C-alpha atoms as a PDB file:
ATOM      1  CA  UNK A   1     109.342 107.376 119.349  1.00  0.00           C
ATOM      2  CA  UNK A   2     107.733 108.561 115.965  1.00  0.00           C
ATOM      3  CA  UNK A   3     109.774 111.518 114.603  1.00  0.00           C
ATOM      4  CA  UNK A   4     108.306 112.105 111.250  1.00  0.00           C
ATOM      5  CA  UNK A   5     105.743 110.834 108.624  1.00  0.00           C
ATOM      6  CA  UNK A   6     108.053 109.238 106.023  1.00  0.00           C
ATOM      7  CA  UNK A   7     105.428 108.801 103.155  1.00  0.00           C
ATOM      8  CA  UNK A   8     101.668 108.163 102.259  1.00  0.00           C
ATOM      9  CA  UNK A   9     100.845 105.402 100.080  1.00  0.00           C
ATOM     10  CA  UNK A  10      97.575 105.337  97.927  1.00  0.00           C
ATOM     11  CA  UNK A  11      96.389 102.338  95.977  1.00  0.00           C
ATOM     12  CA  UNK A  12      95.980 102.232  92.154  1.00  0.00           C
ATOM     13  CA  UNK A  13      94.472  99.729  89.717  1.00  0.00           C
ATOM     14  CA  UNK A  14      96.934  97.581  87.584  1.00  0.00           C
ATOM     15  CA  UNK A  15      97.848  99.251  84.336  1.00  0.00           C
ATOM     16  CA  UNK A  16      97.268 103.006  85.636  1.00  0.00           C
ATOM     17  CA  UNK A  17     100.943 103.977  85.903  1.00  0.00           C
ATOM     18  CA  UNK A  18     100.856 106.087  82.724  1.00  0.00           C
ATOM     19  CA  UNK A  19      97.961 108.178  83.770  1.00  0.00           C
ATOM     20  CA  UNK A  20      99.276 108.450  87.389  1.00  0.00           C
ATOM     21  CA  UNK A  21     102.450 109.633  86.047  1.00  0.00           C
ATOM     22  CA  UNK A  22     100.977 112.365  83.980  1.00  0.00           C
ATOM     23  CA  UNK A  23      98.966 113.399  86.936  1.00  0.00           C
ATOM     24  CA  UNK A  24     101.425 113.286  89.770  1.00  0.00           C
ATOM     25  CA  UNK A  25     104.449 114.205  87.826  1.00  0.00           C
ATOM     26  CA  UNK A  26     103.061 116.558  85.089  1.00  0.00           C
ATOM     27  CA  UNK A  27     100.007 118.091  86.673  1.00  0.00           C
ATOM     28  CA  UNK A  28     101.055 118.191  90.390  1.00  0.00           C
ATOM     29  CA  UNK A  29     104.726 118.777  89.496  1.00  0.00           C
ATOM     30  CA  UNK A  30     106.029 116.051  91.914  1.00  0.00           C
ATOM     31  CA  UNK A  31     109.358 114.284  90.875  1.00  0.00           C
ATOM     32  CA  UNK A  32     109.180 110.548  90.295  1.00  0.00           C
ATOM     33  CA  UNK A  33     111.634 108.642  92.437  1.00  0.00           C
ATOM     34  CA  UNK A  34     112.939 105.321  91.157  1.00  0.00           C
ATOM     35  CA  UNK A  35     111.630 102.443  93.406  1.00  0.00           C
ATOM     36  CA  UNK A  36     114.189  99.843  94.582  1.00  0.00           C
ATOM     37  CA  UNK A  37     114.429  97.069  92.020  1.00  0.00           C
ATOM     38  CA  UNK A  38     112.940  94.502  94.481  1.00  0.00           C
ATOM     39  CA  UNK A  39     109.948  96.652  94.896  1.00  0.00           C
ATOM     40  CA  UNK A  40     109.737  97.896  91.315  1.00  0.00           C
ATOM     41  CA  UNK A  41     108.610  94.328  90.266  1.00  0.00           C
ATOM     42  CA  UNK A  42     105.305  95.047  91.927  1.00  0.00           C
ATOM     43  CA  UNK A  43     104.486  98.027  89.713  1.00  0.00           C
ATOM     44  CA  UNK A  44     103.390 101.399  90.984  1.00  0.00           C
ATOM     45  CA  UNK A  45     105.101 104.683  91.269  1.00  0.00           C
ATOM     46  CA  UNK A  46     106.888 106.825  93.873  1.00  0.00           C
ATOM     47  CA  UNK A  47     106.934 110.542  93.815  1.00  0.00           C
ATOM     48  CA  UNK A  48     108.616 113.339  95.998  1.00  0.00           C
ATOM     49  CA  UNK A  49     108.973 117.065  96.419  1.00  0.00           C
ATOM     50  CA  UNK A  50     111.219 118.180  99.218  1.00  0.00           C
ATOM     51  CA  UNK A  51     110.224 116.103 102.433  1.00  0.00           C
ATOM     52  CA  UNK A  52     106.910 114.963 100.877  1.00  0.00           C
ATOM     53  CA  UNK A  53     106.726 111.510  99.532  1.00  0.00           C
ATOM     54  CA  UNK A  54     103.851 109.972  97.966  1.00  0.00           C
ATOM     55  CA  UNK A  55     103.784 106.232  96.922  1.00  0.00           C
ATOM     56  CA  UNK A  56     101.155 104.762  94.582  1.00  0.00           C
ATOM     57  CA  UNK A  57     100.926 100.893  94.934  1.00  0.00           C
ATOM     58  CA  UNK A  58      99.288  98.663  92.595  1.00  0.00           C
ATOM     59  CA  UNK A  59      96.231  96.699  94.048  1.00  0.00           C
ATOM     60  CA  UNK A  60      94.348  94.076  91.926  1.00  0.00           C
ATOM     61  CA  UNK A  61      91.277  94.656  94.128  1.00  0.00           C
ATOM     62  CA  UNK A  62      91.620  98.423  93.840  1.00  0.00           C
ATOM     63  CA  UNK A  63      88.731 100.585  95.075  1.00  0.00           C
ATOM     64  CA  UNK A  64      89.450 104.392  95.382  1.00  0.00           C
ATOM     65  CA  UNK A  65      89.479 106.147  98.672  1.00  0.00           C
ATOM     66  CA  UNK A  66      86.743 108.595  98.836  1.00  0.00           C
ATOM     67  CA  UNK A  67      87.233 109.402 102.337  1.00  0.00           C
ATOM     68  CA  UNK A  68      90.793 108.801 103.518  1.00  0.00           C
ATOM     69  CA  UNK A  69      93.241 111.190 101.783  1.00  0.00           C
ATOM     70  CA  UNK A  70      96.660 112.769 102.050  1.00  0.00           C
ATOM     71  CA  UNK A  71      96.447 116.544 102.776  1.00  0.00           C
ATOM     72  CA  UNK A  72      98.919 118.418 100.553  1.00  0.00           C
ATOM     73  CA  UNK A  73     100.270 121.872 101.688  1.00  0.00           C
ATOM     74  CA  UNK A  74     100.261 124.170  98.598  1.00  0.00           C
ATOM     75  CA  UNK A  75     101.675 127.842  98.168  1.00  0.00           C
ATOM     76  CA  UNK A  76      99.507 129.747  95.809  1.00  0.00           C
ATOM     77  CA  UNK A  77      96.484 127.621  96.370  1.00  0.00           C
ATOM     78  CA  UNK A  78      94.203 129.660  93.895  1.00  0.00           C
ATOM     79  CA  UNK A  79      96.601 129.163  91.026  1.00  0.00           C
ATOM     80  CA  UNK A  80      97.141 125.592  91.888  1.00  0.00           C
ATOM     81  CA  UNK A  81      93.365 125.040  91.877  1.00  0.00           C
ATOM     82  CA  UNK A  82      93.200 126.748  88.298  1.00  0.00           C
ATOM     83  CA  UNK A  83      96.069 124.494  87.207  1.00  0.00           C
ATOM     84  CA  UNK A  84      94.161 121.433  88.149  1.00  0.00           C
ATOM     85  CA  UNK A  85      90.966 122.596  86.811  1.00  0.00           C
ATOM     86  CA  UNK A  86      92.734 123.380  83.423  1.00  0.00           C
ATOM     87  CA  UNK A  87      93.786 119.847  83.308  1.00  0.00           C
ATOM     88  CA  UNK A  88      90.122 118.610  83.614  1.00  0.00           C
ATOM     89  CA  UNK A  89      90.398 117.804  87.391  1.00  0.00           C
ATOM     90  CA  UNK A  90      87.236 118.729  89.531  1.00  0.00           C
ATOM     91  CA  UNK A  91      87.992 121.191  92.222  1.00  0.00           C
ATOM     92  CA  UNK A  92      85.724 121.263  95.278  1.00  0.00           C
ATOM     93  CA  UNK A  93      86.312 124.196  97.639  1.00  0.00           C
ATOM     94  CA  UNK A  94      85.703 123.677 101.403  1.00  0.00           C
ATOM     95  CA  UNK A  95      85.692 126.504 104.021  1.00  0.00           C
ATOM     96  CA  UNK A  96      85.397 124.372 107.089  1.00  0.00           C
ATOM     97  CA  UNK A  97      89.041 124.326 108.347  1.00  0.00           C
ATOM     98  CA  UNK A  98      89.812 127.327 110.524  1.00  0.00           C
ATOM     99  CA  UNK A  99      92.986 129.236 109.471  1.00  0.00           C
ATOM    100  CA  UNK A 100      93.234 127.428 106.038  1.00  0.00           C
ATOM    101  CA  UNK A 101      91.760 127.669 102.510  1.00  0.00           C
ATOM    102  CA  UNK A 102      91.331 124.161 100.993  1.00  0.00           C
ATOM    103  CA  UNK A 103      89.864 122.206  98.283  1.00  0.00           C
ATOM    104  CA  UNK A 104      89.436 118.544  97.433  1.00  0.00           C
ATOM    105  CA  UNK A 105      90.123 116.872  94.226  1.00  0.00           C
ATOM    106  CA  UNK A 106      90.676 113.349  92.902  1.00  0.00           C
ATOM    107  CA  UNK A 107      93.417 111.762  91.040  1.00  0.00           C
ATOM    108  CA  UNK A 108      92.992 109.890  87.728  1.00  0.00           C
ATOM    109  CA  UNK A 109      91.909 106.630  89.329  1.00  0.00           C
ATOM    110  CA  UNK A 110      89.413 108.297  91.880  1.00  0.00           C
ATOM    111  CA  UNK A 111      91.520 108.870  95.036  1.00  0.00           C
ATOM    112  CA  UNK A 112      90.549 111.742  97.184  1.00  0.00           C
ATOM    113  CA  UNK A 113      93.193 114.399  97.647  1.00  0.00           C
ATOM    114  CA  UNK A 114      93.064 117.508  99.829  1.00  0.00           C
ATOM    115  CA  UNK A 115      95.040 120.577  98.845  1.00  0.00           C
ATOM    116  CA  UNK A 116      95.429 123.338 101.511  1.00  0.00           C
ATOM    117  CA  UNK A 117      97.228 126.649 102.366  1.00  0.00           C
ATOM    118  CA  UNK A 118      97.228 128.358 105.696  1.00  0.00           C
ATOM    119  CA  UNK A 119      95.942 131.916 105.798  1.00  0.00           C
ATOM    120  CA  UNK A 120      97.200 134.897 107.594  1.00  0.00           C
END
């Protein structure tokens, strides 16, 4: 029986850790989590905030995900969108999900990310 989602992993190209660390840690405010030594040799980064875990794995044949994406719930969506835009990230609002405000953006390597906040 599945009881929870443990983490989401996105792919990233070799050598992108510095840009990803700045974005996921600095811009999004996630805490970097040390990878176990046996996995750290593969490169990539792990981030977390509360129960949310996001892993970035290095893929030599990397292609950004333009459709598949994690949906990250945010408190204070307007301010969060302004924060991302202030760091040069594109913010694309989408009003199609009932009961939520949301927007899409991309990480520094082109992976799609959804940010949403319930309304009401």
